[in-house]
């Protein structure tokens, strides 16, 4: 029998090839595009493909993975777990056949109620995780239809029982409606659903009910809750094609945003503010903006200072933007398009998916990044609101110039019970799993990758089924065999790559 490269590496460090084979991955899936690049300190593997625009993820109490497939419904996937990133889908089925569902999903603490959203409503079902069945569909929140930005992100608070957060974006061509609070557009609201128990219970009207956590938000798709403090954060997709006093500044402005919305414990602090849309936006590149006195990264700037009027009839300036609207906690590069934010269980880091640009000459985004947090205070460890260094890249495309057609576009995330991070790519119909290791991470500085002690490595050097033994060895570098070599302390990731 021909000895493959991984077996050679194992034998070289005294590990049995037979023992390795017993723990190898059953199969390794391969993306149709160039393999993503994974930062040192992480392993990643493609777990599933051929899904229909997979968006948000949720694990149930039985360990099955629920996936919102936009325009299809919710599918349920049971997994074969050999440890690490060596996981495969053993069975898939359609849990909810509902083509209007397009993004949001949440599960009650007891695992018995499943929530999902369409552009117009939030629904609930009784859920049996053991049987993998739902029943008793009912409406929880209604009156959310608009003609654009139709995702309705759902977040069920884990700190304050019974609160369901729903994020709703703007309406194309009717941006001024976002300046009227009771229109319900461009907002995040929280609803007490603890008493919504049956189909006979009256549904909430989004425009009239609930607690307004924030408004003046173009499209805050990603909403997260800090697991220690309960602080609510969201990542904002800002506008495209922006001009300032007649000058095109859309290449590098406005920046995308991380915003803070206070807590659900009744304190009202930091709650209910207006974040500026559709008049005020966050600066990313000061030099691109005309008449930029006193502006810096993260400052709120007026889209135009000439004859601009707010809803109250007062002239809008950079000064009124700064004084009357809430500035972002952190600002990210323009057009990155943040879609989800998930906090690690300890609250020391938040992960953000960036789906990537379409309104920029050179494509940007298309990556998963992290932000360090103080787990006690629930604040980002970078205190300066004008920092360019908040993001550390975890997994990204090798060449963004081929995006968006030939690359992955990260969307939804979820942690499993082993604290592995799962991530969807909607445009390619895929799901990845990522595992943190002990290697040094990679950081982002001004959009340039700066490596740690080890250079970022490809997420897998996989080949299609039917390849020869040497190719199969390459395919498994992110499987159990490679992890065994690293765990044994005899070789780093870079050394494994050299061996195979």
Protein backbone atom coordinates (compact mmCIF):
# COMPACT_ATOMS: atom_id res chain seq x y z
CA UNK A 1 0.00 0.00 0.00
CA UNK A 2 1.26 3.44 -0.87
CA UNK A 3 2.11 5.51 2.24
CA UNK A 4 0.65 8.99 2.08
CA UNK A 5 2.32 12.21 3.20
CA UNK A 6 0.41 12.48 6.47
CA UNK A 7 1.31 8.92 7.42
CA UNK A 8 4.98 9.68 6.69
CA UNK A 9 4.79 12.72 8.94
CA UNK A 10 3.11 10.70 11.69
CA UNK A 11 5.71 7.96 11.58
CA UNK A 12 8.48 10.52 11.67
CA UNK A 13 7.29 11.72 15.08
CA UNK A 14 6.51 8.28 16.45
CA UNK A 15 2.73 8.24 15.90
CA UNK A 16 1.11 5.10 14.54
CA UNK A 17 -0.33 5.41 11.06
CA UNK A 18 -2.95 2.82 12.06
CA UNK A 19 -4.03 4.91 15.06
CA UNK A 20 -4.27 7.98 12.86
CA UNK A 21 -6.38 6.18 10.27
CA UNK A 22 -8.87 5.12 12.94
CA UNK A 23 -9.52 8.75 13.79
CA UNK A 24 -9.39 10.27 10.32
CA UNK A 25 -12.15 12.36 8.81
CA UNK A 26 -14.71 10.38 6.84
CA UNK A 27 -14.67 12.92 4.05
CA UNK A 28 -13.25 16.34 3.34
CA UNK A 29 -15.35 18.76 1.28
CA UNK A 30 -13.69 21.14 -1.14
CA UNK A 31 -14.90 24.59 -2.17
CA UNK A 32 -15.16 25.31 -5.90
CA UNK A 33 -13.12 28.50 -5.47
CA UNK A 34 -9.63 29.15 -4.13
CA UNK A 35 -9.26 27.84 -0.60
CA UNK A 36 -9.79 30.50 2.07
CA UNK A 37 -6.83 31.61 4.15
CA UNK A 38 -6.99 30.93 7.89
CA UNK A 39 -5.00 32.89 10.46
CA UNK A 40 -2.43 31.12 12.58
CA UNK A 41 -4.12 29.90 15.73
CA UNK A 42 -7.18 28.59 13.90
CA UNK A 43 -8.34 25.53 12.01
CA UNK A 44 -11.27 25.60 9.60
CA UNK A 45 -13.08 23.03 7.52
CA UNK A 46 -15.90 23.06 5.00
CA UNK A 47 -18.69 20.92 6.46
CA UNK A 48 -21.64 21.26 4.11
CA UNK A 49 -22.44 22.53 0.63
CA UNK A 50 -25.26 22.77 -1.91
CA UNK A 51 -27.57 24.66 0.44
CA UNK A 52 -29.91 27.43 -0.71
CA UNK A 53 -28.56 30.78 0.52
CA UNK A 54 -27.83 29.64 4.08
CA UNK A 55 -28.10 32.63 6.42
CA UNK A 56 -28.51 32.23 10.18
CA UNK A 57 -27.66 29.19 12.32
CA UNK A 58 -28.98 27.73 15.57
CA UNK A 59 -28.03 24.55 17.46
CA UNK A 60 -30.87 22.74 19.21
CA UNK A 61 -30.71 20.90 22.54
CA UNK A 62 -30.02 17.61 20.74
CA UNK A 63 -26.97 19.04 18.98
CA UNK A 64 -28.61 19.25 15.56
CA UNK A 65 -27.87 22.30 13.43
CA UNK A 66 -30.81 24.40 12.23
CA UNK A 67 -30.18 26.52 9.14
CA UNK A 68 -32.29 29.27 7.63
CA UNK A 69 -32.08 28.76 3.87
CA UNK A 70 -33.40 32.01 2.40
CA UNK A 71 -36.38 31.45 0.12
CA UNK A 72 -36.67 27.81 1.16
CA UNK A 73 -37.28 27.56 4.90
CA UNK A 74 -35.41 25.95 7.79
CA UNK A 75 -33.44 22.74 7.42
CA UNK A 76 -32.21 20.45 10.20
CA UNK A 77 -28.86 18.69 10.02
CA UNK A 78 -27.63 15.94 12.33
CA UNK A 79 -23.86 15.65 12.56
CA UNK A 80 -21.21 12.98 12.87
CA UNK A 81 -18.55 14.45 15.13
CA UNK A 82 -15.08 12.89 15.22
CA UNK A 83 -13.67 15.79 17.20
CA UNK A 84 -12.00 19.05 16.23
CA UNK A 85 -13.05 20.12 12.76
CA UNK A 86 -13.50 16.49 11.68
CA UNK A 87 -17.28 16.72 11.34
CA UNK A 88 -19.69 15.67 8.63
CA UNK A 89 -23.44 15.89 8.05
CA UNK A 90 -25.07 12.51 8.56
CA UNK A 91 -28.66 13.46 7.76
CA UNK A 92 -30.49 16.53 6.50
CA UNK A 93 -34.19 17.28 6.27
CA UNK A 94 -36.52 20.21 5.80
CA UNK A 95 -37.90 21.22 9.18
CA UNK A 96 -40.07 24.14 8.00
CA UNK A 97 -41.08 24.49 4.36
CA UNK A 98 -41.73 28.23 4.25
CA UNK A 99 -40.31 30.22 1.34
CA UNK A 100 -40.89 33.61 2.99
CA UNK A 101 -38.34 32.89 5.72
CA UNK A 102 -35.12 34.67 4.81
CA UNK A 103 -32.76 35.27 7.74
CA UNK A 104 -33.74 35.36 11.41
CA UNK A 105 -33.83 32.39 13.79
CA UNK A 106 -33.87 31.96 17.58
CA UNK A 107 -34.59 29.20 20.08
CA UNK A 108 -36.00 29.52 23.59
CA UNK A 109 -33.82 28.62 26.58
CA UNK A 110 -35.72 25.40 27.18
CA UNK A 111 -35.36 24.52 23.50
CA UNK A 112 -39.10 24.04 23.05
CA UNK A 113 -40.02 27.14 21.04
CA UNK A 114 -38.49 28.03 17.69
CA UNK A 115 -38.67 31.53 16.22
CA UNK A 116 -38.02 32.65 12.63
CA UNK A 117 -38.73 35.72 10.54
CA UNK A 118 -39.89 36.79 7.12
CA UNK A 119 -39.82 40.33 5.76
CA UNK A 120 -43.24 40.98 7.30
CA UNK A 121 -43.49 38.96 10.51
CA UNK A 122 -41.86 36.93 13.27
CA UNK A 123 -43.31 33.45 13.77
CA UNK A 124 -43.10 30.87 16.55
CA UNK A 125 -43.50 27.07 16.55
CA UNK A 126 -43.53 24.45 19.27
CA UNK A 127 -40.33 22.47 18.71
CA UNK A 128 -39.42 18.88 19.61
CA UNK A 129 -35.65 18.59 19.26
CA UNK A 130 -35.57 14.81 19.76
CA UNK A 131 -38.11 14.14 17.04
CA UNK A 132 -36.98 17.08 14.92
CA UNK A 133 -40.54 18.35 14.38
CA UNK A 134 -42.48 21.60 14.74
CA UNK A 135 -46.16 22.37 15.30
CA UNK A 136 -48.51 25.21 16.19
CA UNK A 137 -47.28 28.06 13.97
CA UNK A 138 -48.26 31.51 15.28
CA UNK A 139 -47.37 35.17 14.64
CA UNK A 140 -45.40 37.01 17.33
CA UNK A 141 -44.59 40.35 15.65
CA UNK A 142 -46.27 41.77 12.53
CA UNK A 143 -46.36 44.88 10.30
CA UNK A 144 -42.72 44.90 9.18
CA UNK A 145 -43.02 44.91 5.39
CA UNK A 146 -40.95 47.29 3.28
CA UNK A 147 -39.48 47.14 -0.21
CA UNK A 148 -35.78 46.82 0.57
CA UNK A 149 -33.43 45.49 3.26
CA UNK A 150 -35.88 42.75 4.15
CA UNK A 151 -33.91 40.68 6.68
CA UNK A 152 -35.34 40.72 10.20
CA UNK A 153 -32.61 39.62 12.58
CA UNK A 154 -33.78 37.90 15.76
CA UNK A 155 -31.95 37.76 19.09
CA UNK A 156 -33.51 36.10 22.12
CA UNK A 157 -31.88 37.52 25.26
CA UNK A 158 -30.06 35.04 27.45
CA UNK A 159 -29.67 37.55 30.30
CA UNK A 160 -33.22 38.93 30.54
CA UNK A 161 -35.75 36.16 30.06
CA UNK A 162 -38.51 36.68 27.56
CA UNK A 163 -37.07 39.54 25.49
CA UNK A 164 -36.89 39.05 21.73
CA UNK A 165 -34.93 41.66 19.77
CA UNK A 166 -35.90 42.34 16.16
CA UNK A 167 -33.86 44.48 13.78
CA UNK A 168 -35.57 46.10 10.78
CA UNK A 169 -33.82 48.03 8.00
CA UNK A 170 -34.70 50.99 5.80
CA UNK A 171 -36.98 51.28 2.77
CA UNK A 172 -35.47 51.98 -0.65
CA UNK A 173 -36.51 55.36 -2.00
CA UNK A 174 -38.24 56.33 1.24
CA UNK A 175 -35.22 56.97 3.42
CA UNK A 176 -36.83 60.05 5.02
CA UNK A 177 -39.40 57.77 6.66
CA UNK A 178 -36.62 56.61 8.96
CA UNK A 179 -36.75 60.04 10.62
CA UNK A 180 -40.23 59.30 11.99
CA UNK A 181 -40.06 57.02 15.02
CA UNK A 182 -43.49 55.43 14.70
CA UNK A 183 -42.80 54.35 11.11
CA UNK A 184 -40.78 51.52 12.62
CA UNK A 185 -38.11 51.66 9.92
CA UNK A 186 -34.36 51.49 10.57
CA UNK A 187 -34.78 50.37 14.16
CA UNK A 188 -34.02 47.69 16.71
CA UNK A 189 -36.88 46.92 19.08
CA UNK A 190 -37.23 44.50 22.00
CA UNK A 191 -40.49 42.64 22.68
CA UNK A 192 -41.51 40.83 25.87
CA UNK A 193 -42.75 37.51 24.51
CA UNK A 194 -42.89 35.69 27.84
CA UNK A 195 -46.69 35.72 27.73
CA UNK A 196 -47.08 35.01 24.01
CA UNK A 197 -47.99 31.36 24.39
CA UNK A 198 -50.63 30.48 21.80
CA UNK A 199 -52.09 31.41 18.43
CA UNK A 200 -54.89 33.27 20.22
CA UNK A 201 -52.43 35.76 21.74
CA UNK A 202 -52.43 39.06 19.88
CA UNK A 203 -49.21 39.68 17.97
CA UNK A 204 -47.13 42.78 18.57
CA UNK A 205 -47.29 45.57 15.98
CA UNK A 206 -43.67 46.47 15.21
CA UNK A 207 -44.42 50.16 14.57
CA UNK A 208 -46.32 50.67 17.82
CA UNK A 209 -45.11 48.17 20.39
CA UNK A 210 -41.93 47.07 22.08
CA UNK A 211 -38.95 48.96 23.50
CA UNK A 212 -36.98 51.04 20.99
CA UNK A 213 -33.32 50.22 21.60
CA UNK A 214 -32.11 52.40 18.74
CA UNK A 215 -33.28 54.11 15.55
CA UNK A 216 -31.70 55.97 12.65
CA UNK A 217 -30.06 52.67 11.68
CA UNK A 218 -29.88 51.90 7.98
CA UNK A 219 -29.49 48.14 8.33
CA UNK A 220 -28.14 46.63 11.56
CA UNK A 221 -28.24 43.01 10.46
CA UNK A 222 -25.93 41.63 13.14
CA UNK A 223 -27.18 41.95 16.75
CA UNK A 224 -25.40 40.43 19.74
CA UNK A 225 -25.66 40.30 23.55
CA UNK A 226 -22.59 40.34 25.76
CA UNK A 227 -22.84 37.11 27.80
CA UNK A 228 -21.58 38.65 31.07
CA UNK A 229 -23.00 42.18 31.19
CA UNK A 230 -25.99 41.76 28.89
CA UNK A 231 -24.94 44.78 26.82
CA UNK A 232 -26.52 44.89 23.37
CA UNK A 233 -24.31 45.59 20.34
CA UNK A 234 -25.10 45.66 16.63
CA UNK A 235 -23.09 46.01 13.44
CA UNK A 236 -24.41 48.51 10.92
CA UNK A 237 -24.33 48.35 7.11
CA UNK A 238 -24.00 51.95 6.01
CA UNK A 239 -25.04 53.52 2.69
CA UNK A 240 -23.48 53.16 -0.75
CA UNK A 241 -22.88 55.82 -3.41
CA UNK A 242 -22.52 58.67 -0.92
CA UNK A 243 -21.56 62.22 -1.90
CA UNK A 244 -20.63 65.19 0.26
CA UNK A 245 -21.46 68.67 -1.01
CA UNK A 246 -21.59 67.26 -4.51
CA UNK A 247 -18.28 65.32 -4.34
CA UNK A 248 -18.26 61.54 -4.72
CA UNK A 249 -16.71 60.06 -1.56
CA UNK A 250 -18.18 56.57 -1.80
CA UNK A 251 -14.92 54.63 -2.24
CA UNK A 252 -13.90 54.88 1.42
CA UNK A 253 -16.86 56.46 3.19
CA UNK A 254 -18.95 56.15 5.21
CA UNK A 255 -17.53 53.55 7.56
CA UNK A 256 -19.46 50.55 8.80
CA UNK A 257 -20.31 50.70 12.51
CA UNK A 258 -20.33 48.86 15.81
CA UNK A 259 -23.04 50.47 17.93
CA UNK A 260 -24.01 50.03 21.58
CA UNK A 261 -27.66 50.00 22.74
CA UNK A 262 -27.48 49.62 26.51
CA UNK A 263 -29.11 46.83 28.49
CA UNK A 264 -32.48 45.11 28.83
CA UNK A 265 -32.49 45.24 32.65
CA UNK A 266 -34.62 48.37 32.84
CA UNK A 267 -31.82 50.90 33.35
CA UNK A 268 -32.64 52.77 30.08
CA UNK A 269 -29.01 53.93 29.94
CA UNK A 270 -27.71 54.23 26.35
CA UNK A 271 -31.13 53.09 25.15
CA UNK A 272 -33.39 54.60 22.48
CA UNK A 273 -30.91 56.94 20.80
CA UNK A 274 -30.89 58.03 17.16
CA UNK A 275 -27.78 56.87 15.29
CA UNK A 276 -28.02 59.32 12.40
CA UNK A 277 -29.45 57.61 9.32
CA UNK A 278 -30.39 59.00 6.79
CA UNK A 279 -28.59 62.31 7.46
CA UNK A 280 -25.42 61.57 9.44
CA UNK A 281 -22.78 58.90 8.90
CA UNK A 282 -19.46 57.73 10.32
CA UNK A 283 -16.16 58.87 8.82
CA UNK A 284 -13.66 56.24 7.71
CA UNK A 285 -11.31 58.20 5.38
CA UNK A 286 -11.07 61.83 6.46
CA UNK A 287 -8.93 62.86 3.48
CA UNK A 288 -11.69 61.89 1.03
CA UNK A 289 -14.23 64.25 2.60
CA UNK A 290 -14.35 67.93 1.58
CA UNK A 291 -14.72 70.57 4.31
CA UNK A 292 -13.48 68.08 6.89
CA UNK A 293 -12.51 70.40 9.75
CA UNK A 294 -12.66 68.65 13.14
CA UNK A 295 -13.56 65.29 11.58
CA UNK A 296 -11.81 62.06 12.52
CA UNK A 297 -12.47 58.35 12.11
CA UNK A 298 -15.84 57.57 13.67
CA UNK A 299 -17.05 61.18 13.69
CA UNK A 300 -20.60 61.73 12.53
CA UNK A 301 -20.57 63.83 9.35
CA UNK A 302 -23.45 65.42 7.48
CA UNK A 303 -24.05 64.00 4.04
CA UNK A 304 -24.34 67.60 2.90
CA UNK A 305 -24.03 70.86 4.81
CA UNK A 306 -25.61 73.00 2.11
CA UNK A 307 -29.30 73.74 2.70
CA UNK A 308 -29.75 70.44 4.46
CA UNK A 309 -32.76 70.22 6.74
CA UNK A 310 -33.52 67.83 9.57
CA UNK A 311 -37.04 66.72 10.39
CA UNK A 312 -37.31 69.65 12.83
CA UNK A 313 -36.36 72.16 10.11
CA UNK A 314 -32.94 73.02 11.55
CA UNK A 315 -29.91 73.17 9.28
CA UNK A 316 -27.77 70.07 9.53
CA UNK A 317 -24.02 70.41 10.05
CA UNK A 318 -21.20 68.18 11.25
CA UNK A 319 -21.58 69.84 14.63
CA UNK A 320 -25.28 68.99 14.90
CA UNK A 321 -24.55 65.44 13.71
CA UNK A 322 -22.04 65.10 16.54
CA UNK A 323 -24.29 66.62 19.18
CA UNK A 324 -27.71 65.27 18.21
CA UNK A 325 -26.92 61.73 17.12
CA UNK A 326 -25.12 58.75 18.65
CA UNK A 327 -21.65 58.06 17.23
CA UNK A 328 -20.46 54.46 16.73
CA UNK A 329 -18.47 52.68 19.40
CA UNK A 330 -16.07 51.49 16.69
CA UNK A 331 -15.88 52.09 12.95
CA UNK A 332 -14.86 49.62 10.24
CA UNK A 333 -13.75 50.15 6.61
CA UNK A 334 -16.41 51.25 4.17
CA UNK A 335 -18.32 48.55 2.26
CA UNK A 336 -17.13 45.64 4.43
CA UNK A 337 -20.85 44.85 5.00
CA UNK A 338 -21.01 43.36 8.52
CA UNK A 339 -23.76 40.76 8.78
CA UNK A 340 -23.49 38.99 12.14
CA UNK A 341 -21.87 39.45 15.55
CA UNK A 342 -21.44 36.66 18.09
CA UNK A 343 -19.74 36.85 21.47
CA UNK A 344 -17.58 33.99 22.73
CA UNK A 345 -19.08 32.40 25.86
CA UNK A 346 -16.55 34.11 28.18
CA UNK A 347 -17.28 37.53 26.69
CA UNK A 348 -13.63 38.25 25.88
CA UNK A 349 -14.07 38.44 22.13
CA UNK A 350 -16.77 39.15 19.56
CA UNK A 351 -16.72 37.70 16.06
CA UNK A 352 -18.06 39.63 13.08
CA UNK A 353 -18.78 38.35 9.58
CA UNK A 354 -18.22 40.76 6.70
CA UNK A 355 -20.12 39.69 3.60
CA UNK A 356 -18.19 42.06 1.35
CA UNK A 357 -18.60 44.96 -1.03
CA UNK A 358 -20.26 45.55 -4.36
CA UNK A 359 -20.04 49.35 -4.50
CA UNK A 360 -16.25 49.67 -4.53
CA UNK A 361 -13.64 49.54 -7.27
CA UNK A 362 -11.44 47.06 -5.39
CA UNK A 363 -13.57 44.54 -3.48
CA UNK A 364 -13.16 44.52 0.30
CA UNK A 365 -14.56 42.56 3.22
CA UNK A 366 -15.37 38.88 2.54
CA UNK A 367 -13.95 37.71 5.87
CA UNK A 368 -14.56 36.75 9.47
CA UNK A 369 -12.82 38.96 12.02
CA UNK A 370 -12.68 39.33 15.80
CA UNK A 371 -12.82 42.22 18.27
CA UNK A 372 -11.30 41.90 21.73
CA UNK A 373 -13.58 42.74 24.68
CA UNK A 374 -13.08 43.16 28.39
CA UNK A 375 -15.15 40.26 29.74
CA UNK A 376 -15.96 42.09 32.98
CA UNK A 377 -17.04 45.48 31.65
CA UNK A 378 -18.40 44.24 28.32
CA UNK A 379 -16.51 47.00 26.50
CA UNK A 380 -14.10 46.66 23.55
CA UNK A 381 -10.53 46.65 24.86
CA UNK A 382 -9.67 49.36 22.33
CA UNK A 383 -10.93 52.46 24.08
CA UNK A 384 -10.34 54.94 21.24
CA UNK A 385 -13.44 55.31 19.11
CA UNK A 386 -11.28 56.44 16.16
CA UNK A 387 -9.12 53.30 16.10
CA UNK A 388 -8.24 51.57 12.84
CA UNK A 389 -6.94 48.50 14.63
CA UNK A 390 -10.03 46.94 16.19
CA UNK A 391 -10.27 43.96 13.84
CA UNK A 392 -8.22 40.77 13.78
CA UNK A 393 -8.85 38.59 10.73
CA UNK A 394 -9.68 34.91 11.26
CA UNK A 395 -10.61 33.58 7.82
CA UNK A 396 -10.59 35.46 4.55
CA UNK A 397 -10.47 34.93 0.82
CA UNK A 398 -7.12 34.50 -0.85
CA UNK A 399 -7.91 37.05 -3.57
CA UNK A 400 -10.77 39.52 -3.21
CA UNK A 401 -10.42 40.61 -6.83
CA UNK A 402 -12.45 37.53 -7.86
CA UNK A 403 -15.25 38.46 -5.45
CA UNK A 404 -18.18 38.34 -5.23
CA UNK A 405 -18.55 35.62 -7.88
CA UNK A 406 -15.71 33.23 -6.98
CA UNK A 407 -15.28 33.46 -3.23
CA UNK A 408 -17.11 32.76 0.00
CA UNK A 409 -19.33 35.46 1.57
CA UNK A 410 -19.70 34.95 5.35
CA UNK A 411 -23.10 35.54 6.91
CA UNK A 412 -24.47 33.78 10.01
CA UNK A 413 -22.61 32.24 12.95
CA UNK A 414 -23.31 29.99 15.93
CA UNK A 415 -21.26 28.35 18.68
CA UNK A 416 -21.79 24.67 19.40
CA UNK A 417 -21.52 23.04 22.84
CA UNK A 418 -17.76 22.57 22.32
CA UNK A 419 -17.31 26.30 21.59
CA UNK A 420 -16.50 25.68 17.94
CA UNK A 421 -17.61 28.53 15.70
CA UNK A 422 -19.86 27.68 12.75
CA UNK A 423 -20.33 30.05 9.82
CA UNK A 424 -22.43 30.15 6.66
CA UNK A 425 -21.52 31.41 3.20
CA UNK A 426 -24.80 32.26 1.54
CA UNK A 427 -23.65 32.91 -2.03
CA UNK A 428 -21.85 29.57 -2.22
CA UNK A 429 -24.40 27.58 -0.22
CA UNK A 430 -21.84 26.37 2.34
CA UNK A 431 -21.19 25.95 6.07
CA UNK A 432 -17.75 26.08 7.68
CA UNK A 433 -16.61 25.15 11.18
CA UNK A 434 -13.69 26.90 12.87
CA UNK A 435 -11.65 25.81 15.88
CA UNK A 436 -9.27 27.95 17.92
CA UNK A 437 -5.85 26.47 18.63
CA UNK A 438 -2.78 27.60 20.57
CA UNK A 439 -0.94 29.29 17.70
CA UNK A 440 -0.44 33.08 17.49
CA UNK A 441 -3.31 34.93 15.77
CA UNK A 442 -3.25 37.26 12.82
CA UNK A 443 -4.20 40.94 13.04
CA UNK A 444 -5.47 43.56 10.65
CA UNK A 445 -3.84 46.97 10.39
CA UNK A 446 -5.30 49.40 7.88
CA UNK A 447 -6.54 46.50 5.79
CA UNK A 448 -3.11 44.81 5.57
CA UNK A 449 -2.59 41.32 6.95
CA UNK A 450 0.12 41.26 9.62
CA UNK A 451 1.05 37.76 10.67
CA UNK A 452 1.79 36.52 14.15
CA UNK A 453 4.59 34.05 14.89
CA UNK A 454 3.26 31.75 12.19
CA UNK A 455 1.96 32.91 8.81
CA UNK A 456 -1.73 32.41 7.98
CA UNK A 457 -2.34 29.04 6.37
CA UNK A 458 -4.94 27.76 3.96
CA UNK A 459 -8.00 26.33 5.68
CA UNK A 460 -7.45 23.03 3.92
CA UNK A 461 -5.36 21.69 1.09
CA UNK A 462 -8.21 19.48 0.00
CA UNK A 463 -8.86 17.68 -3.26
CA UNK A 464 -11.97 16.18 -4.76
CA UNK A 465 -12.90 12.60 -4.01
CA UNK A 466 -10.97 10.05 -6.04
CA UNK A 467 -7.57 11.74 -5.83
CA UNK A 468 -4.40 9.76 -5.20
CA UNK A 469 -2.92 9.06 -1.77
CA UNK A 470 -0.61 12.04 -1.81
CA UNK A 471 -3.53 14.36 -2.62
CA UNK A 472 -5.63 12.71 0.06
CA UNK A 473 -2.86 13.44 2.55
CA UNK A 474 -2.98 17.11 1.65
CA UNK A 475 -6.73 17.08 1.97
CA UNK A 476 -6.51 16.01 5.59
CA UNK A 477 -4.16 18.64 6.99
CA UNK A 478 -7.09 20.21 8.79
CA UNK A 479 -8.34 16.82 9.97
CA UNK A 480 -7.47 14.74 13.02
CA UNK A 481 -4.06 13.67 11.72
CA UNK A 482 -2.66 17.17 11.60
CA UNK A 483 -4.19 18.10 14.94
CA UNK A 484 -2.54 15.05 16.47
CA UNK A 485 0.86 16.20 15.26
CA UNK A 486 0.35 19.70 16.62
CA UNK A 487 -1.12 18.48 19.90
CA UNK A 488 1.83 16.17 20.39
CA UNK A 489 4.01 19.27 20.55
CA UNK A 490 6.46 17.93 17.99
CA UNK A 491 5.62 20.22 15.10
CA UNK A 492 3.74 23.48 14.43
CA UNK A 493 1.20 24.01 11.68
CA UNK A 494 3.84 25.35 9.35
CA UNK A 495 5.95 22.29 10.08
CA UNK A 496 3.09 19.95 9.22
CA UNK A 497 2.61 21.69 5.91
CA UNK A 498 6.29 21.23 5.19
CA UNK A 499 6.11 17.53 6.06
CA UNK A 500 3.21 16.84 3.73
